[in-house]
Amino acid sequence: MRHEDDFIGEWRTTRVDKSRPPLRWIANIAGSIASKGLLDISYMEDAGYTGWKYKVNLFLWDTFWPIYDKYGTFYEIDIEEDGDVM
């Protein structure tokens, strides 16, 4: 299902719903957990830490991201629609 009525500033966005609400809500929560895990992984890599916390966050990313990718809500941004970005 696509919704064409959403705007972010001057840019037109398209919301892509890959499932119905109850499953989509759960998938979006899984996406939040996965995104937090990925952010923590990147901070730990920058600091040179690859201990057990790194492995736990990597597990969270590997477990929850495929759920979000399959059933979550994505937004496509069309910034070239008018030819003027800003």
C-alpha atoms as a PDB file:
ATOM      1  CA  MET A   1       0.000   0.000   0.000  1.00  0.00           C
ATOM      2  CA  ARG A   2       1.390   3.416  -0.934  1.00  0.00           C
ATOM      3  CA  HIS A   3       0.374   6.762   0.516  1.00  0.00           C
ATOM      4  CA  GLU A   4       1.265   9.734  -1.702  1.00  0.00           C
ATOM      5  CA  ASP A   5       0.064  12.558   0.586  1.00  0.00           C
ATOM      6  CA  ASP A   6       3.012  12.856   2.984  1.00  0.00           C
ATOM      7  CA  PHE A   7       5.424  15.777   2.790  1.00  0.00           C
ATOM      8  CA  ILE A   8       8.737  16.456   4.492  1.00  0.00           C
ATOM      9  CA  GLY A   9       9.425  20.124   3.965  1.00  0.00           C
ATOM     10  CA  GLU A  10       9.615  20.676   0.222  1.00  0.00           C
ATOM     11  CA  TRP A  11      10.246  17.019  -0.584  1.00  0.00           C
ATOM     12  CA  ARG A  12       7.524  14.599  -1.560  1.00  0.00           C
ATOM     13  CA  THR A  13       7.601  11.271   0.221  1.00  0.00           C
ATOM     14  CA  THR A  14       5.922   7.984  -0.458  1.00  0.00           C
ATOM     15  CA  ARG A  15       5.116   5.691   2.450  1.00  0.00           C
ATOM     16  CA  VAL A  16       5.391   2.008   1.619  1.00  0.00           C
ATOM     17  CA  ASP A  17       3.438  -0.250   3.986  1.00  0.00           C
ATOM     18  CA  LYS A  18       4.471  -3.861   3.564  1.00  0.00           C
ATOM     19  CA  SER A  19       1.842  -5.367   5.890  1.00  0.00           C
ATOM     20  CA  ARG A  20      -1.337  -4.660   7.848  1.00  0.00           C
ATOM     21  CA  PRO A  21      -1.308  -2.643  11.096  1.00  0.00           C
ATOM     22  CA  PRO A  22      -0.804  -5.176  13.924  1.00  0.00           C
ATOM     23  CA  LEU A  23       2.101  -6.896  12.195  1.00  0.00           C
ATOM     24  CA  ARG A  24       3.426  -3.582  10.871  1.00  0.00           C
ATOM     25  CA  TRP A  25       3.484  -2.058  14.379  1.00  0.00           C
ATOM     26  CA  ILE A  26       5.441  -5.024  15.734  1.00  0.00           C
ATOM     27  CA  ALA A  27       7.834  -4.846  12.774  1.00  0.00           C
ATOM     28  CA  ASN A  28       8.373  -1.113  13.318  1.00  0.00           C
ATOM     29  CA  ILE A  29       9.268  -1.769  16.974  1.00  0.00           C
ATOM     30  CA  ALA A  30      11.681  -4.467  15.788  1.00  0.00           C
ATOM     31  CA  GLY A  31      13.157  -1.890  13.397  1.00  0.00           C
ATOM     32  CA  SER A  32      13.716   0.519  16.287  1.00  0.00           C
ATOM     33  CA  ILE A  33      15.553  -2.163  18.259  1.00  0.00           C
ATOM     34  CA  ALA A  34      17.641  -3.088  15.210  1.00  0.00           C
ATOM     35  CA  SER A  35      18.520   0.545  14.488  1.00  0.00           C
ATOM     36  CA  LYS A  36      19.629   1.125  18.081  1.00  0.00           C
ATOM     37  CA  GLY A  37      21.778  -2.013  17.865  1.00  0.00           C
ATOM     38  CA  LEU A  38      23.379  -0.827  14.614  1.00  0.00           C
ATOM     39  CA  LEU A  39      24.108   2.594  16.088  1.00  0.00           C
ATOM     40  CA  ASP A  40      25.748   1.008  19.134  1.00  0.00           C
ATOM     41  CA  ILE A  41      27.776  -1.294  16.865  1.00  0.00           C
ATOM     42  CA  SER A  42      29.114   1.656  14.903  1.00  0.00           C
ATOM     43  CA  TYR A  43      30.100   3.522  18.089  1.00  0.00           C
ATOM     44  CA  MET A  44      31.833   0.433  19.466  1.00  0.00           C
ATOM     45  CA  GLU A  45      33.738  -0.126  16.215  1.00  0.00           C
ATOM     46  CA  ASP A  46      34.961   3.480  16.298  1.00  0.00           C
ATOM     47  CA  ALA A  47      36.172   2.975  19.871  1.00  0.00           C
ATOM     48  CA  GLY A  48      37.827  -0.339  18.971  1.00  0.00           C
ATOM     49  CA  TYR A  49      35.631  -2.352  21.344  1.00  0.00           C
ATOM     50  CA  THR A  50      34.552  -5.795  20.126  1.00  0.00           C
ATOM     51  CA  GLY A  51      33.639  -7.516  23.378  1.00  0.00           C
ATOM     52  CA  TRP A  52      30.401  -9.168  24.477  1.00  0.00           C
ATOM     53  CA  LYS A  53      28.302  -5.961  24.244  1.00  0.00           C
ATOM     54  CA  TYR A  54      29.349  -5.674  20.618  1.00  0.00           C
ATOM     55  CA  LYS A  55      28.284  -9.257  19.972  1.00  0.00           C
ATOM     56  CA  VAL A  56      24.931  -8.727  21.733  1.00  0.00           C
ATOM     57  CA  ASN A  57      24.178  -5.649  19.627  1.00  0.00           C
ATOM     58  CA  LEU A  58      25.241  -7.500  16.503  1.00  0.00           C
ATOM     59  CA  PHE A  59      22.827 -10.289  17.453  1.00  0.00           C
ATOM     60  CA  LEU A  60      20.023  -7.708  17.913  1.00  0.00           C
ATOM     61  CA  TRP A  61      20.738  -6.257  14.488  1.00  0.00           C
ATOM     62  CA  ASP A  62      20.871  -9.657  12.789  1.00  0.00           C
ATOM     63  CA  THR A  63      17.686 -10.820  14.503  1.00  0.00           C
ATOM     64  CA  PHE A  64      15.382  -7.796  14.278  1.00  0.00           C
ATOM     65  CA  TRP A  65      16.368  -6.129  10.995  1.00  0.00           C
ATOM     66  CA  PRO A  66      15.019  -8.897   8.684  1.00  0.00           C
ATOM     67  CA  ILE A  67      11.632  -8.643  10.435  1.00  0.00           C
ATOM     68  CA  TYR A  68      11.502  -4.896   9.846  1.00  0.00           C
ATOM     69  CA  ASP A  69      12.788  -5.243   6.305  1.00  0.00           C
ATOM     70  CA  LYS A  70      10.038  -7.710   5.428  1.00  0.00           C
ATOM     71  CA  TYR A  71       7.030  -6.231   7.267  1.00  0.00           C
ATOM     72  CA  GLY A  72       7.904  -2.662   8.338  1.00  0.00           C
ATOM     73  CA  THR A  73       7.081   0.780   6.964  1.00  0.00           C
ATOM     74  CA  PHE A  74       9.555   2.496   4.655  1.00  0.00           C
ATOM     75  CA  TYR A  75       9.558   6.014   3.246  1.00  0.00           C
ATOM     76  CA  GLU A  76      10.794   6.841  -0.233  1.00  0.00           C
ATOM     77  CA  ILE A  77      11.816  10.469  -0.705  1.00  0.00           C
ATOM     78  CA  ASP A  78      11.656  12.023  -4.151  1.00  0.00           C
ATOM     79  CA  ILE A  79      13.988  15.028  -3.980  1.00  0.00           C
ATOM     80  CA  GLU A  80      14.267  15.474  -7.738  1.00  0.00           C
ATOM     81  CA  GLU A  81      10.560  15.967  -8.405  1.00  0.00           C
ATOM     82  CA  ASP A  82      10.737  19.717  -9.171  1.00  0.00           C
ATOM     83  CA  GLY A  83      14.388  19.778 -10.127  1.00  0.00           C
ATOM     84  CA  ASP A  84      15.101  22.067  -7.148  1.00  0.00           C
ATOM     85  CA  VAL A  85      16.460  20.361  -4.045  1.00  0.00           C
ATOM     86  CA  MET A  86      16.118  23.250  -1.613  1.00  0.00           C
END
